[in-house]
C-alpha cells in the first residue's frame, strides 16, 4: 500500500513541512533513543521510550515526503 493509497483513504493529509519541523522530530527521536538507554528504569519503560523514538522518526519520514497523519 502506497502513501497515495493512505491519502485516498483519508489516513494522511498533504503537508508542507519546513526544515525546522523535521529537525525537531529527529531531535526528539535522538533524545528518546538516549533516554531509552538509561539505567535504573524498567525494560518495559525503555521499550516504550524507544517506541516513541520510532514514531518520531516515522513522522519525520512522512513529513519529508509531504504528508502527515490526519488528526
PDB file of N, CA and C in Angstrom:
ATOM      1  N   UNK A   1       0.853  -1.166   0.000  1.00  0.00           N
ATOM      2  CA  UNK A   1       0.000   0.000   0.000  1.00  0.00           C
ATOM      3  C   UNK A   1       0.906   1.238   0.000  1.00  0.00           C
ATOM      4  N   UNK A   2       0.608   2.166  -0.868  1.00  0.00           N
ATOM      5  CA  UNK A   2       1.442   3.365  -1.019  1.00  0.00           C
ATOM      6  C   UNK A   2       0.906   4.520  -0.169  1.00  0.00           C
ATOM      7  N   UNK A   3       1.722   5.556  -0.036  1.00  0.00           N
ATOM      8  CA  UNK A   3       1.269   6.754   0.672  1.00  0.00           C
ATOM      9  C   UNK A   3       0.085   7.393  -0.052  1.00  0.00           C
ATOM     10  N   UNK A   4       0.056   7.285  -1.376  1.00  0.00           N
ATOM     11  CA  UNK A   4      -1.084   7.799  -2.143  1.00  0.00           C
ATOM     12  C   UNK A   4      -2.372   7.050  -1.761  1.00  0.00           C
ATOM     13  N   UNK A   5      -2.249   5.749  -1.537  1.00  0.00           N
ATOM     14  CA  UNK A   5      -3.408   4.972  -1.089  1.00  0.00           C
ATOM     15  C   UNK A   5      -3.870   5.437   0.290  1.00  0.00           C
ATOM     16  N   UNK A   6      -2.915   5.680   1.165  1.00  0.00           N
ATOM     17  CA  UNK A   6      -3.255   6.159   2.509  1.00  0.00           C
ATOM     18  C   UNK A   6      -3.937   7.523   2.436  1.00  0.00           C
ATOM     19  N   UNK A   7      -3.452   8.375   1.529  1.00  0.00           N
ATOM     20  CA  UNK A   7      -4.064   9.683   1.329  1.00  0.00           C
ATOM     21  C   UNK A   7      -5.497   9.521   0.847  1.00  0.00           C
ATOM     22  N   UNK A   8      -5.714   8.637  -0.116  1.00  0.00           N
ATOM     23  CA  UNK A   8      -7.049   8.398  -0.661  1.00  0.00           C
ATOM     24  C   UNK A   8      -8.003   7.858   0.402  1.00  0.00           C
ATOM     25  N   UNK A   9      -7.495   7.074   1.338  1.00  0.00           N
ATOM     26  CA  UNK A   9      -8.326   6.522   2.408  1.00  0.00           C
ATOM     27  C   UNK A   9      -8.581   7.526   3.534  1.00  0.00           C
ATOM     28  N   UNK A  10      -7.902   8.679   3.461  1.00  0.00           N
ATOM     29  CA  UNK A  10      -8.096   9.699   4.479  1.00  0.00           C
ATOM     30  C   UNK A  10      -7.236   9.530   5.710  1.00  0.00           C
ATOM     31  N   UNK A  11      -6.270   8.634   5.646  1.00  0.00           N
ATOM     32  CA  UNK A  11      -5.390   8.403   6.795  1.00  0.00           C
ATOM     33  C   UNK A  11      -4.294   9.445   6.869  1.00  0.00           C
ATOM     34  N   UNK A  12      -3.970  10.082   5.739  1.00  0.00           N
ATOM     35  CA  UNK A  12      -2.951  11.123   5.659  1.00  0.00           C
ATOM     36  C   UNK A  12      -3.544  12.358   5.013  1.00  0.00           C
ATOM     37  N   UNK A  13      -2.889  13.487   5.249  1.00  0.00           N
ATOM     38  CA  UNK A  13      -3.204  14.726   4.546  1.00  0.00           C
ATOM     39  C   UNK A  13      -1.894  15.275   3.991  1.00  0.00           C
ATOM     40  N   UNK A  14      -2.002  16.063   2.933  1.00  0.00           N
ATOM     41  CA  UNK A  14      -0.816  16.715   2.371  1.00  0.00           C
ATOM     42  C   UNK A  14      -0.272  17.709   3.392  1.00  0.00           C
ATOM     43  N   UNK A  15       1.033  17.843   3.419  1.00  0.00           N
ATOM     44  CA  UNK A  15       1.665  18.711   4.414  1.00  0.00           C
ATOM     45  C   UNK A  15       2.975  19.240   3.849  1.00  0.00           C
ATOM     46  N   UNK A  16       3.224  20.515   4.039  1.00  0.00           N
ATOM     47  CA  UNK A  16       4.491  21.138   3.624  1.00  0.00           C
ATOM     48  C   UNK A  16       5.292  21.506   4.866  1.00  0.00           C
ATOM     49  N   UNK A  17       6.187  20.637   5.275  1.00  0.00           N
ATOM     50  CA  UNK A  17       6.980  20.941   6.468  1.00  0.00           C
ATOM     51  C   UNK A  17       8.109  21.901   6.140  1.00  0.00           C
ATOM     52  N   UNK A  18       8.592  22.568   7.171  1.00  0.00           N
ATOM     53  CA  UNK A  18       9.830  23.325   6.985  1.00  0.00           C
ATOM     54  C   UNK A  18      10.962  22.507   7.615  1.00  0.00           C
ATOM     55  N   UNK A  19      12.168  22.903   7.334  1.00  0.00           N
ATOM     56  CA  UNK A  19      13.324  22.153   7.824  1.00  0.00           C
ATOM     57  C   UNK A  19      13.340  22.086   9.351  1.00  0.00           C
ATOM     58  N   UNK A  20      12.858  23.133  10.009  1.00  0.00           N
ATOM     59  CA  UNK A  20      12.838  23.152  11.469  1.00  0.00           C
ATOM     60  C   UNK A  20      11.947  22.078  12.052  1.00  0.00           C
ATOM     61  N   UNK A  21      10.819  21.832  11.409  1.00  0.00           N
ATOM     62  CA  UNK A  21       9.898  20.797  11.895  1.00  0.00           C
ATOM     63  C   UNK A  21      10.552  19.418  11.837  1.00  0.00           C
ATOM     64  N   UNK A  22      11.179  19.120  10.723  1.00  0.00           N
ATOM     65  CA  UNK A  22      11.827  17.816  10.587  1.00  0.00           C
ATOM     66  C   UNK A  22      13.001  17.709  11.549  1.00  0.00           C
ATOM     67  N   UNK A  23      13.770  18.777  11.686  1.00  0.00           N
ATOM     68  CA  UNK A  23      14.902  18.793  12.633  1.00  0.00           C
ATOM     69  C   UNK A  23      14.394  18.529  14.058  1.00  0.00           C
ATOM     70  N   UNK A  24      13.264  19.133  14.410  1.00  0.00           N
ATOM     71  CA  UNK A  24      12.704  18.936  15.748  1.00  0.00           C
ATOM     72  C   UNK A  24      12.287  17.480  15.962  1.00  0.00           C
ATOM     73  N   UNK A  25      11.621  16.888  14.980  1.00  0.00           N
ATOM     74  CA  UNK A  25      11.207  15.490  15.100  1.00  0.00           C
ATOM     75  C   UNK A  25      12.419  14.573  15.256  1.00  0.00           C
ATOM     76  N   UNK A  26      13.459  14.812  14.472  1.00  0.00           N
ATOM     77  CA  UNK A  26      14.667  13.996  14.587  1.00  0.00           C
ATOM     78  C   UNK A  26      15.371  14.226  15.920  1.00  0.00           C
ATOM     79  N   UNK A  27      15.325  15.454  16.414  1.00  0.00           N
ATOM     80  CA  UNK A  27      15.913  15.748  17.721  1.00  0.00           C
ATOM     81  C   UNK A  27      15.192  15.034  18.850  1.00  0.00           C
ATOM     82  N   UNK A  28      13.873  14.997  18.772  1.00  0.00           N
ATOM     83  CA  UNK A  28      13.093  14.273  19.781  1.00  0.00           C
ATOM     84  C   UNK A  28      13.434  12.791  19.734  1.00  0.00           C
ATOM     85  N   UNK A  29      13.554  12.243  18.523  1.00  0.00           N
ATOM     86  CA  UNK A  29      13.919  10.832  18.382  1.00  0.00           C
ATOM     87  C   UNK A  29      15.296  10.571  18.980  1.00  0.00           C
ATOM     88  N   UNK A  30      16.262  11.427  18.702  1.00  0.00           N
ATOM     89  CA  UNK A  30      17.603  11.273  19.292  1.00  0.00           C
ATOM     90  C   UNK A  30      17.546  11.279  20.811  1.00  0.00           C
ATOM     91  N   UNK A  31      16.781  12.222  21.360  1.00  0.00           N
ATOM     92  CA  UNK A  31      16.658  12.311  22.819  1.00  0.00           C
ATOM     93  C   UNK A  31      16.016  11.051  23.382  1.00  0.00           C
ATOM     94  N   UNK A  32      14.952  10.578  22.724  1.00  0.00           N
ATOM     95  CA  UNK A  32      14.272   9.381  23.214  1.00  0.00           C
ATOM     96  C   UNK A  32      15.171   8.148  23.142  1.00  0.00           C
ATOM     97  N   UNK A  33      15.954   8.043  22.085  1.00  0.00           N
ATOM     98  CA  UNK A  33      16.875   6.908  21.976  1.00  0.00           C
ATOM     99  C   UNK A  33      17.880   6.944  23.120  1.00  0.00           C
ATOM    100  N   UNK A  34      18.408   8.117  23.407  1.00  0.00           N
ATOM    101  CA  UNK A  34      19.341   8.239  24.533  1.00  0.00           C
ATOM    102  C   UNK A  34      18.647   7.907  25.849  1.00  0.00           C
ATOM    103  N   UNK A  35      17.438   8.429  26.042  1.00  0.00           N
ATOM    104  CA  UNK A  35      16.703   8.175  27.278  1.00  0.00           C
ATOM    105  C   UNK A  35      16.373   6.691  27.447  1.00  0.00           C
ATOM    106  N   UNK A  36      16.151   5.998  26.340  1.00  0.00           N
ATOM    107  CA  UNK A  36      15.771   4.578  26.424  1.00  0.00           C
ATOM    108  C   UNK A  36      16.923   3.710  26.914  1.00  0.00           C
ATOM    109  N   UNK A  37      18.124   4.259  26.943  1.00  0.00           N
ATOM    110  CA  UNK A  37      19.284   3.505  27.400  1.00  0.00           C
ATOM    111  C   UNK A  37      19.641   3.795  28.853  1.00  0.00           C
ATOM    112  N   UNK A  38      18.796   4.578  29.517  1.00  0.00           N
ATOM    113  CA  UNK A  38      19.065   4.961  30.909  1.00  0.00           C
ATOM    114  C   UNK A  38      19.019   3.742  31.824  1.00  0.00           C
ATOM    115  N   UNK A  39      19.924   3.721  32.751  1.00  0.00           N
ATOM    116  CA  UNK A  39      19.949   2.657  33.757  1.00  0.00           C
ATOM    117  C   UNK A  39      18.910   2.982  34.835  1.00  0.00           C
ATOM    118  N   UNK A  40      18.428   1.963  35.493  1.00  0.00           N
ATOM    119  CA  UNK A  40      17.530   2.169  36.623  1.00  0.00           C
ATOM    120  C   UNK A  40      16.057   2.275  36.267  1.00  0.00           C
ATOM    121  N   UNK A  41      15.701   2.131  35.000  1.00  0.00           N
ATOM    122  CA  UNK A  41      14.290   2.104  34.636  1.00  0.00           C
ATOM    123  C   UNK A  41      13.981   0.726  34.059  1.00  0.00           C
ATOM    124  N   UNK A  42      12.735   0.348  34.136  1.00  0.00           N
ATOM    125  CA  UNK A  42      12.348  -0.996  33.714  1.00  0.00           C
ATOM    126  C   UNK A  42      12.531  -1.188  32.213  1.00  0.00           C
ATOM    127  N   UNK A  43      12.659  -2.433  31.827  1.00  0.00           N
ATOM    128  CA  UNK A  43      12.768  -2.768  30.408  1.00  0.00           C
ATOM    129  C   UNK A  43      11.506  -2.322  29.661  1.00  0.00           C
ATOM    130  N   UNK A  44      10.342  -2.440  30.296  1.00  0.00           N
ATOM    131  CA  UNK A  44       9.100  -2.011  29.658  1.00  0.00           C
ATOM    132  C   UNK A  44       9.122  -0.513  29.360  1.00  0.00           C
ATOM    133  N   UNK A  45       9.617   0.262  30.313  1.00  0.00           N
ATOM    134  CA  UNK A  45       9.684   1.715  30.108  1.00  0.00           C
ATOM    135  C   UNK A  45      10.702   2.052  29.029  1.00  0.00           C
ATOM    136  N   UNK A  46      11.839   1.370  29.037  1.00  0.00           N
ATOM    137  CA  UNK A  46      12.841   1.614  27.995  1.00  0.00           C
ATOM    138  C   UNK A  46      12.289   1.287  26.613  1.00  0.00           C
ATOM    139  N   UNK A  47      11.534   0.199  26.516  1.00  0.00           N
ATOM    140  CA  UNK A  47      10.915  -0.163  25.244  1.00  0.00           C
ATOM    141  C   UNK A  47       9.907   0.893  24.815  1.00  0.00           C
ATOM    142  N   UNK A  48       9.114   1.389  25.733  1.00  0.00           N
ATOM    143  CA  UNK A  48       8.118   2.424  25.427  1.00  0.00           C
ATOM    144  C   UNK A  48       8.786   3.695  24.902  1.00  0.00           C
ATOM    145  N   UNK A  49       9.886   4.083  25.524  1.00  0.00           N
ATOM    146  CA  UNK A  49      10.607   5.282  25.085  1.00  0.00           C
ATOM    147  C   UNK A  49      11.211   5.056  23.701  1.00  0.00           C
ATOM    148  N   UNK A  50      11.775   3.874  23.465  1.00  0.00           N
ATOM    149  CA  UNK A  50      12.341   3.563  22.148  1.00  0.00           C
ATOM    150  C   UNK A  50      11.247   3.534  21.082  1.00  0.00           C
ATOM    151  N   UNK A  51      10.077   3.022  21.436  1.00  0.00           N
ATOM    152  CA  UNK A  51       8.939   3.012  20.521  1.00  0.00           C
ATOM    153  C   UNK A  51       8.541   4.439  20.152  1.00  0.00           C
ATOM    154  N   UNK A  52       8.510   5.315  21.135  1.00  0.00           N
ATOM    155  CA  UNK A  52       8.201   6.723  20.864  1.00  0.00           C
ATOM    156  C   UNK A  52       9.227   7.340  19.907  1.00  0.00           C
ATOM    157  N   UNK A  53      10.493   6.950  20.046  1.00  0.00           N
ATOM    158  CA  UNK A  53      11.523   7.437  19.121  1.00  0.00           C
ATOM    159  C   UNK A  53      11.214   6.978  17.702  1.00  0.00           C
ATOM    160  N   UNK A  54      10.814   5.727  17.554  1.00  0.00           N
ATOM    161  CA  UNK A  54      10.469   5.201  16.228  1.00  0.00           C
ATOM    162  C   UNK A  54       9.284   5.965  15.633  1.00  0.00           C
ATOM    163  N   UNK A  55       8.310   6.309  16.461  1.00  0.00           N
ATOM    164  CA  UNK A  55       7.166   7.092  15.975  1.00  0.00           C
ATOM    165  C   UNK A  55       7.606   8.468  15.484  1.00  0.00           C
ATOM    166  N   UNK A  56       8.515   9.098  16.202  1.00  0.00           N
ATOM    167  CA  UNK A  56       9.002  10.412  15.790  1.00  0.00           C
ATOM    168  C   UNK A  56       9.752  10.316  14.459  1.00  0.00           C
ATOM    169  N   UNK A  57      10.527   9.261  14.298  1.00  0.00           N
ATOM    170  CA  UNK A  57      11.245   9.064  13.037  1.00  0.00           C
ATOM    171  C   UNK A  57      10.265   8.835  11.890  1.00  0.00           C
ATOM    172  N   UNK A  58       9.212   8.076  12.148  1.00  0.00           N
ATOM    173  CA  UNK A  58       8.190   7.841  11.118  1.00  0.00           C
ATOM    174  C   UNK A  58       7.478   9.143  10.753  1.00  0.00           C
ATOM    175  N   UNK A  59       7.190   9.961  11.750  1.00  0.00           N
ATOM    176  CA  UNK A  59       6.560  11.258  11.478  1.00  0.00           C
ATOM    177  C   UNK A  59       7.492  12.135  10.636  1.00  0.00           C
ATOM    178  N   UNK A  60       8.780  12.086  10.925  1.00  0.00           N
ATOM    179  CA  UNK A  60       9.752  12.845  10.138  1.00  0.00           C
ATOM    180  C   UNK A  60       9.813  12.360   8.707  1.00  0.00           C
ATOM    181  N   UNK A  61       9.775  11.053   8.509  1.00  0.00           N
ATOM    182  CA  UNK A  61       9.794  10.497   7.153  1.00  0.00           C
ATOM    183  C   UNK A  61       8.534  10.892   6.391  1.00  0.00           C
ATOM    184  N   UNK A  62       7.389  10.827   7.058  1.00  0.00           N
ATOM    185  CA  UNK A  62       6.136  11.256   6.412  1.00  0.00           C
ATOM    186  C   UNK A  62       6.201  12.734   6.043  1.00  0.00           C
ATOM    187  N   UNK A  63       6.665  13.546   6.969  1.00  0.00           N
ATOM    188  CA  UNK A  63       6.744  14.989   6.713  1.00  0.00           C
ATOM    189  C   UNK A  63       7.681  15.278   5.545  1.00  0.00           C
ATOM    190  N   UNK A  64       8.828  14.602   5.517  1.00  0.00           N
ATOM    191  CA  UNK A  64       9.776  14.813   4.428  1.00  0.00           C
ATOM    192  C   UNK A  64       9.192  14.385   3.083  1.00  0.00           C
ATOM    193  N   UNK A  65       8.221  13.471   3.129  1.00  0.00           N
ATOM    194  CA  UNK A  65       7.550  13.010   1.912  1.00  0.00           C
ATOM    195  C   UNK A  65       6.341  13.862   1.548  1.00  0.00           C
ATOM    196  N   UNK A  66       6.021  14.857   2.410  1.00  0.00           N
ATOM    197  CA  UNK A  66       4.921  15.764   2.108  1.00  0.00           C
ATOM    198  C   UNK A  66       3.584  15.373   2.689  1.00  0.00           C
ATOM    199  N   UNK A  67       3.596  14.584   3.764  1.00  0.00           N
ATOM    200  CA  UNK A  67       2.356  14.128   4.394  1.00  0.00           C
ATOM    201  C   UNK A  67       2.432  14.263   5.905  1.00  0.00           C
ATOM    202  N   UNK A  68       1.276  14.164   6.528  1.00  0.00           N
ATOM    203  CA  UNK A  68       1.179  13.997   7.976  1.00  0.00           C
ATOM    204  C   UNK A  68      -0.081  13.200   8.261  1.00  0.00           C
ATOM    205  N   UNK A  69      -0.149  12.530   9.409  1.00  0.00           N
ATOM    206  CA  UNK A  69      -1.367  11.790   9.735  1.00  0.00           C
ATOM    207  C   UNK A  69      -2.549  12.742   9.886  1.00  0.00           C
ATOM    208  N   UNK A  70      -3.715  12.269   9.524  1.00  0.00           N
ATOM    209  CA  UNK A  70      -4.917  13.065   9.746  1.00  0.00           C
ATOM    210  C   UNK A  70      -5.145  13.141  11.254  1.00  0.00           C
ATOM    211  N   UNK A  71      -5.430  14.354  11.745  1.00  0.00           N
ATOM    212  CA  UNK A  71      -5.650  14.491  13.191  1.00  0.00           C
ATOM    213  C   UNK A  71      -6.898  13.771  13.665  1.00  0.00           C
TER     214      UNK A  71
END
